[in-house]
Amino acid sequence: MNSLEQAEDLKAFERRLTEYIHCLQPATGRWRMLLIVVSVCTATGAWNWLIDPETQKVSFFTSLWNHPFFTISCITLIGLFFAGIHKRVVAPSMYPLPGVELCSLN
């Protein structure tokens, strides 16, 4: 393979990579927004949970029961990470793995 063919292959690869990353941008933006909202809710709930004087007086599970906003936010955040949100948020900054097909831009 001469250098001209190699250059053409590299250009084709760059076009495909750019197309793939372009396809991921809208979905990644939604996942990032969801992660930000759930993180802020969890942080707000945690703050309220920690400053509540009753938290020190009751058991851990009773304390969580008394703060459903924090409990639900925390469970949601953990569920999102188990579902792979961390991979979806950083997807456009990663090179596609071998075998990953490009999305259709119809």
PDB file of N, CA and C in Angstrom:
ATOM      1  N   MET A   1       0.855  -1.172   0.000  1.00  0.00           N
ATOM      2  CA  MET A   1       0.000   0.000   0.000  1.00  0.00           C
ATOM      3  C   MET A   1       0.900   1.233   0.000  1.00  0.00           C
ATOM      4  N   ASN A   2       0.712   2.087  -0.969  1.00  0.00           N
ATOM      5  CA  ASN A   2       1.565   3.278  -1.024  1.00  0.00           C
ATOM      6  C   ASN A   2       1.011   4.380  -0.116  1.00  0.00           C
ATOM      7  N   SER A   3       1.747   5.445  -0.015  1.00  0.00           N
ATOM      8  CA  SER A   3       1.377   6.509   0.924  1.00  0.00           C
ATOM      9  C   SER A   3       0.089   7.225   0.511  1.00  0.00           C
ATOM     10  N   LEU A   4      -0.199   7.279  -0.780  1.00  0.00           N
ATOM     11  CA  LEU A   4      -1.439   7.923  -1.234  1.00  0.00           C
ATOM     12  C   LEU A   4      -2.653   7.102  -0.791  1.00  0.00           C
ATOM     13  N   GLU A   5      -2.572   5.783  -0.913  1.00  0.00           N
ATOM     14  CA  GLU A   5      -3.668   4.929  -0.463  1.00  0.00           C
ATOM     15  C   GLU A   5      -3.836   5.004   1.054  1.00  0.00           C
ATOM     16  N   GLN A   6      -2.716   5.066   1.751  1.00  0.00           N
ATOM     17  CA  GLN A   6      -2.780   5.181   3.210  1.00  0.00           C
ATOM     18  C   GLN A   6      -3.443   6.487   3.625  1.00  0.00           C
ATOM     19  N   ALA A   7      -3.114   7.563   2.929  1.00  0.00           N
ATOM     20  CA  ALA A   7      -3.710   8.863   3.237  1.00  0.00           C
ATOM     21  C   ALA A   7      -5.214   8.839   2.980  1.00  0.00           C
ATOM     22  N   GLU A   8      -5.637   8.200   1.889  1.00  0.00           N
ATOM     23  CA  GLU A   8      -7.065   8.095   1.579  1.00  0.00           C
ATOM     24  C   GLU A   8      -7.790   7.257   2.633  1.00  0.00           C
ATOM     25  N   ASP A   9      -7.163   6.165   3.062  1.00  0.00           N
ATOM     26  CA  ASP A   9      -7.758   5.332   4.114  1.00  0.00           C
ATOM     27  C   ASP A   9      -7.904   6.120   5.414  1.00  0.00           C
ATOM     28  N   LEU A  10      -6.901   6.901   5.743  1.00  0.00           N
ATOM     29  CA  LEU A  10      -6.948   7.707   6.961  1.00  0.00           C
ATOM     30  C   LEU A  10      -8.061   8.755   6.872  1.00  0.00           C
ATOM     31  N   LYS A  11      -8.190   9.381   5.718  1.00  0.00           N
ATOM     32  CA  LYS A  11      -9.256  10.375   5.532  1.00  0.00           C
ATOM     33  C   LYS A  11     -10.636   9.723   5.642  1.00  0.00           C
ATOM     34  N   ALA A  12     -10.770   8.525   5.069  1.00  0.00           N
ATOM     35  CA  ALA A  12     -12.053   7.816   5.154  1.00  0.00           C
ATOM     36  C   ALA A  12     -12.355   7.456   6.604  1.00  0.00           C
ATOM     37  N   PHE A  13     -11.338   7.012   7.326  1.00  0.00           N
ATOM     38  CA  PHE A  13     -11.530   6.688   8.735  1.00  0.00           C
ATOM     39  C   PHE A  13     -11.934   7.923   9.528  1.00  0.00           C
ATOM     40  N   GLU A  14     -11.311   9.051   9.284  1.00  0.00           N
ATOM     41  CA  GLU A  14     -11.653  10.293   9.981  1.00  0.00           C
ATOM     42  C   GLU A  14     -13.088  10.712   9.683  1.00  0.00           C
ATOM     43  N   ARG A  15     -13.517  10.572   8.435  1.00  0.00           N
ATOM     44  CA  ARG A  15     -14.904  10.909   8.084  1.00  0.00           C
ATOM     45  C   ARG A  15     -15.887  10.008   8.824  1.00  0.00           C
ATOM     46  N   ARG A  16     -15.588   8.715   8.864  1.00  0.00           N
ATOM     47  CA  ARG A  16     -16.474   7.780   9.567  1.00  0.00           C
ATOM     48  C   ARG A  16     -16.504   8.075  11.059  1.00  0.00           C
ATOM     49  N   LEU A  17     -15.368   8.389  11.628  1.00  0.00           N
ATOM     50  CA  LEU A  17     -15.300   8.704  13.053  1.00  0.00           C
ATOM     51  C   LEU A  17     -16.075   9.982  13.358  1.00  0.00           C
ATOM     52  N   THR A  18     -15.925  10.982  12.511  1.00  0.00           N
ATOM     53  CA  THR A  18     -16.654  12.236  12.690  1.00  0.00           C
ATOM     54  C   THR A  18     -18.160  12.001  12.574  1.00  0.00           C
ATOM     55  N   GLU A  19     -18.564  11.175  11.618  1.00  0.00           N
ATOM     56  CA  GLU A  19     -19.985  10.853  11.454  1.00  0.00           C
ATOM     57  C   GLU A  19     -20.522  10.126  12.683  1.00  0.00           C
ATOM     58  N   TYR A  20     -19.763   9.195  13.191  1.00  0.00           N
ATOM     59  CA  TYR A  20     -20.187   8.435  14.371  1.00  0.00           C
ATOM     60  C   TYR A  20     -20.339   9.348  15.585  1.00  0.00           C
ATOM     61  N   ILE A  21     -19.361  10.199  15.812  1.00  0.00           N
ATOM     62  CA  ILE A  21     -19.413  11.111  16.964  1.00  0.00           C
ATOM     63  C   ILE A  21     -20.559  12.105  16.795  1.00  0.00           C
ATOM     64  N   HIS A  22     -20.787  12.554  15.582  1.00  0.00           N
ATOM     65  CA  HIS A  22     -21.895  13.478  15.325  1.00  0.00           C
ATOM     66  C   HIS A  22     -23.239  12.830  15.676  1.00  0.00           C
ATOM     67  N   CYS A  23     -23.387  11.539  15.397  1.00  0.00           N
ATOM     68  CA  CYS A  23     -24.628  10.823  15.715  1.00  0.00           C
ATOM     69  C   CYS A  23     -24.862  10.733  17.220  1.00  0.00           C
ATOM     70  N   LEU A  24     -23.806  10.693  17.995  1.00  0.00           N
ATOM     71  CA  LEU A  24     -23.940  10.515  19.437  1.00  0.00           C
ATOM     72  C   LEU A  24     -24.229  11.812  20.187  1.00  0.00           C
ATOM     73  N   GLN A  25     -23.978  12.947  19.588  1.00  0.00           N
ATOM     74  CA  GLN A  25     -24.078  14.220  20.300  1.00  0.00           C
ATOM     75  C   GLN A  25     -25.448  14.473  20.941  1.00  0.00           C
ATOM     76  N   PRO A  26     -26.576  14.343  20.226  1.00  0.00           N
ATOM     77  CA  PRO A  26     -27.870  14.640  20.874  1.00  0.00           C
ATOM     78  C   PRO A  26     -28.177  13.710  22.049  1.00  0.00           C
ATOM     79  N   ALA A  27     -27.939  12.424  21.878  1.00  0.00           N
ATOM     80  CA  ALA A  27     -28.210  11.475  22.952  1.00  0.00           C
ATOM     81  C   ALA A  27     -27.293  11.725  24.148  1.00  0.00           C
ATOM     82  N   THR A  28     -26.053  12.031  23.884  1.00  0.00           N
ATOM     83  CA  THR A  28     -25.101  12.285  24.965  1.00  0.00           C
ATOM     84  C   THR A  28     -25.498  13.525  25.754  1.00  0.00           C
ATOM     85  N   GLY A  29     -25.988  14.540  25.070  1.00  0.00           N
ATOM     86  CA  GLY A  29     -26.433  15.755  25.753  1.00  0.00           C
ATOM     87  C   GLY A  29     -27.584  15.474  26.711  1.00  0.00           C
ATOM     88  N   ARG A  30     -28.512  14.626  26.287  1.00  0.00           N
ATOM     89  CA  ARG A  30     -29.643  14.267  27.161  1.00  0.00           C
ATOM     90  C   ARG A  30     -29.161  13.466  28.372  1.00  0.00           C
ATOM     91  N   TRP A  31     -28.236  12.527  28.152  1.00  0.00           N
ATOM     92  CA  TRP A  31     -27.717  11.735  29.280  1.00  0.00           C
ATOM     93  C   TRP A  31     -26.958  12.623  30.257  1.00  0.00           C
ATOM     94  N   ARG A  32     -26.194  13.583  29.727  1.00  0.00           N
ATOM     95  CA  ARG A  32     -25.457  14.503  30.609  1.00  0.00           C
ATOM     96  C   ARG A  32     -26.415  15.342  31.438  1.00  0.00           C
ATOM     97  N   MET A  33     -27.481  15.833  30.807  1.00  0.00           N
ATOM     98  CA  MET A  33     -28.465  16.643  31.527  1.00  0.00           C
ATOM     99  C   MET A  33     -29.137  15.818  32.620  1.00  0.00           C
ATOM    100  N   LEU A  34     -29.510  14.586  32.298  1.00  0.00           N
ATOM    101  CA  LEU A  34     -30.119  13.707  33.293  1.00  0.00           C
ATOM    102  C   LEU A  34     -29.169  13.459  34.459  1.00  0.00           C
ATOM    103  N   LEU A  35     -27.907  13.206  34.153  1.00  0.00           N
ATOM    104  CA  LEU A  35     -26.921  12.972  35.211  1.00  0.00           C
ATOM    105  C   LEU A  35     -26.741  14.203  36.091  1.00  0.00           C
ATOM    106  N   ILE A  36     -26.723  15.372  35.492  1.00  0.00           N
ATOM    107  CA  ILE A  36     -26.586  16.618  36.264  1.00  0.00           C
ATOM    108  C   ILE A  36     -27.791  16.811  37.177  1.00  0.00           C
ATOM    109  N   VAL A  37     -29.000  16.622  36.636  1.00  0.00           N
ATOM    110  CA  VAL A  37     -30.218  16.833  37.437  1.00  0.00           C
ATOM    111  C   VAL A  37     -30.259  15.859  38.609  1.00  0.00           C
ATOM    112  N   VAL A  38     -30.007  14.582  38.348  1.00  0.00           N
ATOM    113  CA  VAL A  38     -30.058  13.593  39.425  1.00  0.00           C
ATOM    114  C   VAL A  38     -28.939  13.839  40.446  1.00  0.00           C
ATOM    115  N   SER A  39     -27.764  14.257  39.991  1.00  0.00           N
ATOM    116  CA  SER A  39     -26.664  14.558  40.917  1.00  0.00           C
ATOM    117  C   SER A  39     -26.991  15.741  41.819  1.00  0.00           C
ATOM    118  N   VAL A  40     -27.584  16.786  41.248  1.00  0.00           N
ATOM    119  CA  VAL A  40     -27.968  17.952  42.049  1.00  0.00           C
ATOM    120  C   VAL A  40     -29.062  17.577  43.042  1.00  0.00           C
ATOM    121  N   CYS A  41     -30.022  16.781  42.603  1.00  0.00           N
ATOM    122  CA  CYS A  41     -31.078  16.328  43.523  1.00  0.00           C
ATOM    123  C   CYS A  41     -30.488  15.504  44.663  1.00  0.00           C
ATOM    124  N   THR A  42     -29.552  14.624  44.345  1.00  0.00           N
ATOM    125  CA  THR A  42     -28.923  13.799  45.380  1.00  0.00           C
ATOM    126  C   THR A  42     -28.123  14.662  46.343  1.00  0.00           C
ATOM    127  N   ALA A  43     -27.383  15.631  45.816  1.00  0.00           N
ATOM    128  CA  ALA A  43     -26.593  16.511  46.686  1.00  0.00           C
ATOM    129  C   ALA A  43     -27.490  17.364  47.585  1.00  0.00           C
ATOM    130  N   THR A  44     -28.582  17.873  47.032  1.00  0.00           N
ATOM    131  CA  THR A  44     -29.521  18.665  47.821  1.00  0.00           C
ATOM    132  C   THR A  44     -30.173  17.809  48.900  1.00  0.00           C
ATOM    133  N   GLY A  45     -30.593  16.623  48.520  1.00  0.00           N
ATOM    134  CA  GLY A  45     -31.190  15.709  49.497  1.00  0.00           C
ATOM    135  C   GLY A  45     -30.204  15.304  50.577  1.00  0.00           C
ATOM    136  N   ALA A  46     -28.954  15.077  50.189  1.00  0.00           N
ATOM    137  CA  ALA A  46     -27.922  14.711  51.164  1.00  0.00           C
ATOM    138  C   ALA A  46     -27.682  15.846  52.153  1.00  0.00           C
ATOM    139  N   TRP A  47     -27.673  17.077  51.639  1.00  0.00           N
ATOM    140  CA  TRP A  47     -27.468  18.226  52.528  1.00  0.00           C
ATOM    141  C   TRP A  47     -28.598  18.314  53.556  1.00  0.00           C
ATOM    142  N   ASN A  48     -29.825  18.190  53.083  1.00  0.00           N
ATOM    143  CA  ASN A  48     -30.973  18.245  53.996  1.00  0.00           C
ATOM    144  C   ASN A  48     -30.958  17.077  54.983  1.00  0.00           C
ATOM    145  N   TRP A  49     -30.524  15.941  54.531  1.00  0.00           N
ATOM    146  CA  TRP A  49     -30.444  14.760  55.385  1.00  0.00           C
ATOM    147  C   TRP A  49     -29.387  14.948  56.475  1.00  0.00           C
ATOM    148  N   LEU A  50     -28.263  15.536  56.089  1.00  0.00           N
ATOM    149  CA  LEU A  50     -27.170  15.714  57.055  1.00  0.00           C
ATOM    150  C   LEU A  50     -27.432  16.815  58.077  1.00  0.00           C
ATOM    151  N   ILE A  51     -28.143  17.862  57.676  1.00  0.00           N
ATOM    152  CA  ILE A  51     -28.362  18.963  58.626  1.00  0.00           C
ATOM    153  C   ILE A  51     -29.586  18.741  59.510  1.00  0.00           C
ATOM    154  N   ASP A  52     -30.343  17.688  59.244  1.00  0.00           N
ATOM    155  CA  ASP A  52     -31.515  17.389  60.062  1.00  0.00           C
ATOM    156  C   ASP A  52     -31.053  16.863  61.431  1.00  0.00           C
ATOM    157  N   PRO A  53     -31.460  17.516  62.519  1.00  0.00           N
ATOM    158  CA  PRO A  53     -31.023  17.067  63.846  1.00  0.00           C
ATOM    159  C   PRO A  53     -31.577  15.684  64.215  1.00  0.00           C
ATOM    160  N   GLU A  54     -32.685  15.289  63.619  1.00  0.00           N
ATOM    161  CA  GLU A  54     -33.260  13.975  63.903  1.00  0.00           C
ATOM    162  C   GLU A  54     -32.396  12.833  63.356  1.00  0.00           C
ATOM    163  N   THR A  55     -31.560  13.121  62.359  1.00  0.00           N
ATOM    164  CA  THR A  55     -30.737  12.086  61.741  1.00  0.00           C
ATOM    165  C   THR A  55     -29.817  11.419  62.761  1.00  0.00           C
ATOM    166  N   GLN A  56     -29.302  12.187  63.709  1.00  0.00           N
ATOM    167  CA  GLN A  56     -28.386  11.643  64.718  1.00  0.00           C
ATOM    168  C   GLN A  56     -29.118  10.822  65.778  1.00  0.00           C
ATOM    169  N   LYS A  57     -30.401  11.060  65.941  1.00  0.00           N
ATOM    170  CA  LYS A  57     -31.143  10.432  67.040  1.00  0.00           C
ATOM    171  C   LYS A  57     -31.819   9.119  66.653  1.00  0.00           C
ATOM    172  N   VAL A  58     -32.029   8.903  65.363  1.00  0.00           N
ATOM    173  CA  VAL A  58     -32.760   7.716  64.923  1.00  0.00           C
ATOM    174  C   VAL A  58     -31.808   6.775  64.180  1.00  0.00           C
ATOM    175  N   SER A  59     -32.277   5.573  63.903  1.00  0.00           N
ATOM    176  CA  SER A  59     -31.440   4.607  63.186  1.00  0.00           C
ATOM    177  C   SER A  59     -31.254   5.057  61.730  1.00  0.00           C
ATOM    178  N   PHE A  60     -30.288   4.428  61.092  1.00  0.00           N
ATOM    179  CA  PHE A  60     -29.954   4.771  59.712  1.00  0.00           C
ATOM    180  C   PHE A  60     -31.155   4.597  58.789  1.00  0.00           C
ATOM    181  N   PHE A  61     -31.829   3.452  58.867  1.00  0.00           N
ATOM    182  CA  PHE A  61     -32.958   3.180  57.968  1.00  0.00           C
ATOM    183  C   PHE A  61     -34.148   4.084  58.273  1.00  0.00           C
ATOM    184  N   THR A  62     -34.367   4.399  59.526  1.00  0.00           N
ATOM    185  CA  THR A  62     -35.430   5.344  59.874  1.00  0.00           C
ATOM    186  C   THR A  62     -35.097   6.728  59.322  1.00  0.00           C
ATOM    187  N   SER A  63     -33.844   7.081  59.396  1.00  0.00           N
ATOM    188  CA  SER A  63     -33.391   8.357  58.854  1.00  0.00           C
ATOM    189  C   SER A  63     -33.628   8.425  57.352  1.00  0.00           C
ATOM    190  N   LEU A  64     -33.326   7.337  56.641  1.00  0.00           N
ATOM    191  CA  LEU A  64     -33.591   7.307  55.195  1.00  0.00           C
ATOM    192  C   LEU A  64     -35.087   7.351  54.910  1.00  0.00           C
ATOM    193  N   TRP A  65     -35.879   6.686  55.736  1.00  0.00           N
ATOM    194  CA  TRP A  65     -37.329   6.685  55.584  1.00  0.00           C
ATOM    195  C   TRP A  65     -37.894   8.095  55.781  1.00  0.00           C
ATOM    196  N   ASN A  66     -37.282   8.869  56.671  1.00  0.00           N
ATOM    197  CA  ASN A  66     -37.727  10.233  56.944  1.00  0.00           C
ATOM    198  C   ASN A  66     -37.324  11.215  55.841  1.00  0.00           C
ATOM    199  N   HIS A  67     -36.421  10.818  54.957  1.00  0.00           N
ATOM    200  CA  HIS A  67     -35.949  11.691  53.878  1.00  0.00           C
ATOM    201  C   HIS A  67     -36.101  10.980  52.531  1.00  0.00           C
ATOM    202  N   PRO A  68     -37.344  10.854  52.060  1.00  0.00           N
ATOM    203  CA  PRO A  68     -37.586  10.099  50.823  1.00  0.00           C
ATOM    204  C   PRO A  68     -36.964  10.749  49.583  1.00  0.00           C
ATOM    205  N   PHE A  69     -36.853  12.074  49.558  1.00  0.00           N
ATOM    206  CA  PHE A  69     -36.250  12.751  48.401  1.00  0.00           C
ATOM    207  C   PHE A  69     -34.803  12.299  48.225  1.00  0.00           C
ATOM    208  N   PHE A  70     -34.050  12.302  49.316  1.00  0.00           N
ATOM    209  CA  PHE A  70     -32.662  11.856  49.252  1.00  0.00           C
ATOM    210  C   PHE A  70     -32.581  10.376  48.904  1.00  0.00           C
ATOM    211  N   THR A  71     -33.409   9.574  49.511  1.00  0.00           N
ATOM    212  CA  THR A  71     -33.365   8.129  49.288  1.00  0.00           C
ATOM    213  C   THR A  71     -33.659   7.784  47.829  1.00  0.00           C
ATOM    214  N   ILE A  72     -34.702   8.380  47.285  1.00  0.00           N
ATOM    215  CA  ILE A  72     -35.071   8.113  45.892  1.00  0.00           C
ATOM    216  C   ILE A  72     -34.008   8.645  44.937  1.00  0.00           C
ATOM    217  N   SER A  73     -33.483   9.842  45.211  1.00  0.00           N
ATOM    218  CA  SER A  73     -32.435  10.414  44.361  1.00  0.00           C
ATOM    219  C   SER A  73     -31.181   9.557  44.375  1.00  0.00           C
ATOM    220  N   CYS A  74     -30.823   9.084  45.538  1.00  0.00           N
ATOM    221  CA  CYS A  74     -29.626   8.254  45.675  1.00  0.00           C
ATOM    222  C   CYS A  74     -29.800   6.917  44.952  1.00  0.00           C
ATOM    223  N   ILE A  75     -30.944   6.296  45.113  1.00  0.00           N
ATOM    224  CA  ILE A  75     -31.216   5.025  44.432  1.00  0.00           C
ATOM    225  C   ILE A  75     -31.226   5.233  42.916  1.00  0.00           C
ATOM    226  N   THR A  76     -31.801   6.344  42.463  1.00  0.00           N
ATOM    227  CA  THR A  76     -31.826   6.648  41.032  1.00  0.00           C
ATOM    228  C   THR A  76     -30.420   6.835  40.495  1.00  0.00           C
ATOM    229  N   LEU A  77     -29.584   7.571  41.223  1.00  0.00           N
ATOM    230  CA  LEU A  77     -28.207   7.798  40.788  1.00  0.00           C
ATOM    231  C   LEU A  77     -27.428   6.488  40.721  1.00  0.00           C
ATOM    232  N   ILE A  78     -27.580   5.652  41.705  1.00  0.00           N
ATOM    233  CA  ILE A  78     -26.900   4.353  41.700  1.00  0.00           C
ATOM    234  C   ILE A  78     -27.412   3.502  40.532  1.00  0.00           C
ATOM    235  N   GLY A  79     -28.724   3.532  40.304  1.00  0.00           N
ATOM    236  CA  GLY A  79     -29.305   2.789  39.182  1.00  0.00           C
ATOM    237  C   GLY A  79     -28.788   3.270  37.837  1.00  0.00           C
ATOM    238  N   LEU A  80     -28.639   4.587  37.694  1.00  0.00           N
ATOM    239  CA  LEU A  80     -28.106   5.124  36.442  1.00  0.00           C
ATOM    240  C   LEU A  80     -26.676   4.652  36.198  1.00  0.00           C
ATOM    241  N   PHE A  81     -25.874   4.605  37.238  1.00  0.00           N
ATOM    242  CA  PHE A  81     -24.502   4.127  37.059  1.00  0.00           C
ATOM    243  C   PHE A  81     -24.467   2.640  36.746  1.00  0.00           C
ATOM    244  N   PHE A  82     -25.345   1.862  37.370  1.00  0.00           N
ATOM    245  CA  PHE A  82     -25.412   0.437  37.023  1.00  0.00           C
ATOM    246  C   PHE A  82     -25.902   0.246  35.588  1.00  0.00           C
ATOM    247  N   ALA A  83     -26.726   1.158  35.111  1.00  0.00           N
ATOM    248  CA  ALA A  83     -27.232   1.089  33.737  1.00  0.00           C
ATOM    249  C   ALA A  83     -26.196   1.568  32.717  1.00  0.00           C
ATOM    250  N   GLY A  84     -25.093   2.147  33.169  1.00  0.00           N
ATOM    251  CA  GLY A  84     -24.021   2.541  32.270  1.00  0.00           C
ATOM    252  C   GLY A  84     -24.043   3.979  31.821  1.00  0.00           C
ATOM    253  N   ILE A  85     -24.627   4.867  32.619  1.00  0.00           N
ATOM    254  CA  ILE A  85     -24.669   6.276  32.212  1.00  0.00           C
ATOM    255  C   ILE A  85     -23.266   6.867  32.076  1.00  0.00           C
ATOM    256  N   HIS A  86     -22.326   6.385  32.874  1.00  0.00           N
ATOM    257  CA  HIS A  86     -20.971   6.900  32.792  1.00  0.00           C
ATOM    258  C   HIS A  86     -20.356   6.614  31.416  1.00  0.00           C
ATOM    259  N   LYS A  87     -20.748   5.539  30.772  1.00  0.00           N
ATOM    260  CA  LYS A  87     -20.257   5.234  29.421  1.00  0.00           C
ATOM    261  C   LYS A  87     -20.944   6.108  28.387  1.00  0.00           C
ATOM    262  N   ARG A  88     -22.226   6.369  28.586  1.00  0.00           N
ATOM    263  CA  ARG A  88     -22.975   7.172  27.618  1.00  0.00           C
ATOM    264  C   ARG A  88     -22.579   8.641  27.649  1.00  0.00           C
ATOM    265  N   VAL A  89     -22.176   9.124  28.804  1.00  0.00           N
ATOM    266  CA  VAL A  89     -21.814  10.532  28.948  1.00  0.00           C
ATOM    267  C   VAL A  89     -20.484  10.826  28.262  1.00  0.00           C
ATOM    268  N   VAL A  90     -19.554   9.902  28.311  1.00  0.00           N
ATOM    269  CA  VAL A  90     -18.237  10.140  27.725  1.00  0.00           C
ATOM    270  C   VAL A  90     -18.081   9.519  26.347  1.00  0.00           C
ATOM    271  N   ALA A  91     -19.139   8.947  25.780  1.00  0.00           N
ATOM    272  CA  ALA A  91     -19.051   8.240  24.505  1.00  0.00           C
ATOM    273  C   ALA A  91     -18.462   9.076  23.369  1.00  0.00           C
ATOM    274  N   PRO A  92     -18.850  10.332  23.154  1.00  0.00           N
ATOM    275  CA  PRO A  92     -18.295  11.077  22.024  1.00  0.00           C
ATOM    276  C   PRO A  92     -16.813  11.400  22.179  1.00  0.00           C
ATOM    277  N   SER A  93     -16.291  11.328  23.380  1.00  0.00           N
ATOM    278  CA  SER A  93     -14.878  11.637  23.559  1.00  0.00           C
ATOM    279  C   SER A  93     -13.999  10.403  23.403  1.00  0.00           C
ATOM    280  N   MET A  94     -14.632   9.263  23.158  1.00  0.00           N
ATOM    281  CA  MET A  94     -13.884   8.022  22.978  1.00  0.00           C
ATOM    282  C   MET A  94     -13.903   7.618  21.514  1.00  0.00           C
ATOM    283  N   TYR A  95     -12.855   6.962  21.085  1.00  0.00           N
ATOM    284  CA  TYR A  95     -12.850   6.405  19.737  1.00  0.00           C
ATOM    285  C   TYR A  95     -13.758   5.184  19.733  1.00  0.00           C
ATOM    286  N   PRO A  96     -14.458   4.951  18.633  1.00  0.00           N
ATOM    287  CA  PRO A  96     -15.306   3.766  18.588  1.00  0.00           C
ATOM    288  C   PRO A  96     -14.468   2.498  18.619  1.00  0.00           C
ATOM    289  N   LEU A  97     -14.994   1.504  19.280  1.00  0.00           N
ATOM    290  CA  LEU A  97     -14.308   0.226  19.388  1.00  0.00           C
ATOM    291  C   LEU A  97     -14.483  -0.566  18.101  1.00  0.00           C
ATOM    292  N   PRO A  98     -13.578  -1.490  17.815  1.00  0.00           N
ATOM    293  CA  PRO A  98     -13.753  -2.319  16.614  1.00  0.00           C
ATOM    294  C   PRO A  98     -15.076  -3.078  16.690  1.00  0.00           C
ATOM    295  N   GLY A  99     -15.766  -3.121  15.587  1.00  0.00           N
ATOM    296  CA  GLY A  99     -17.034  -3.826  15.538  1.00  0.00           C
ATOM    297  C   GLY A  99     -18.229  -2.940  15.823  1.00  0.00           C
ATOM    298  N   VAL A 100     -18.018  -1.687  16.207  1.00  0.00           N
ATOM    299  CA  VAL A 100     -19.124  -0.770  16.463  1.00  0.00           C
ATOM    300  C   VAL A 100     -19.570  -0.212  15.120  1.00  0.00           C
ATOM    301  N   GLU A 101     -20.847  -0.353  14.841  1.00  0.00           N
ATOM    302  CA  GLU A 101     -21.361   0.121  13.572  1.00  0.00           C
ATOM    303  C   GLU A 101     -21.778   1.582  13.685  1.00  0.00           C
ATOM    304  N   LEU A 102     -21.672   2.262  12.568  1.00  0.00           N
ATOM    305  CA  LEU A 102     -22.065   3.655  12.532  1.00  0.00           C
ATOM    306  C   LEU A 102     -23.575   3.766  12.521  1.00  0.00           C
ATOM    307  N   CYS A 103     -24.093   4.824  13.127  1.00  0.00           N
ATOM    308  CA  CYS A 103     -25.528   5.037  13.087  1.00  0.00           C
ATOM    309  C   CYS A 103     -25.915   5.624  11.739  1.00  0.00           C
ATOM    310  N   SER A 104     -27.143   5.480  11.391  1.00  0.00           N
ATOM    311  CA  SER A 104     -27.631   5.953  10.119  1.00  0.00           C
ATOM    312  C   SER A 104     -27.983   7.431  10.208  1.00  0.00           C
ATOM    313  N   LEU A 105     -27.567   8.203   9.229  1.00  0.00           N
ATOM    314  CA  LEU A 105     -27.878   9.638   9.197  1.00  0.00           C
ATOM    315  C   LEU A 105     -28.906   9.924   8.114  1.00  0.00           C
ATOM    316  N   ASN A 106     -29.930   9.147   8.019  1.00  0.00           N
ATOM    317  CA  ASN A 106     -30.956   9.327   6.983  1.00  0.00           C
ATOM    318  C   ASN A 106     -31.753  10.564   7.235  1.00  0.00           C
TER     319      ASN A 106
END
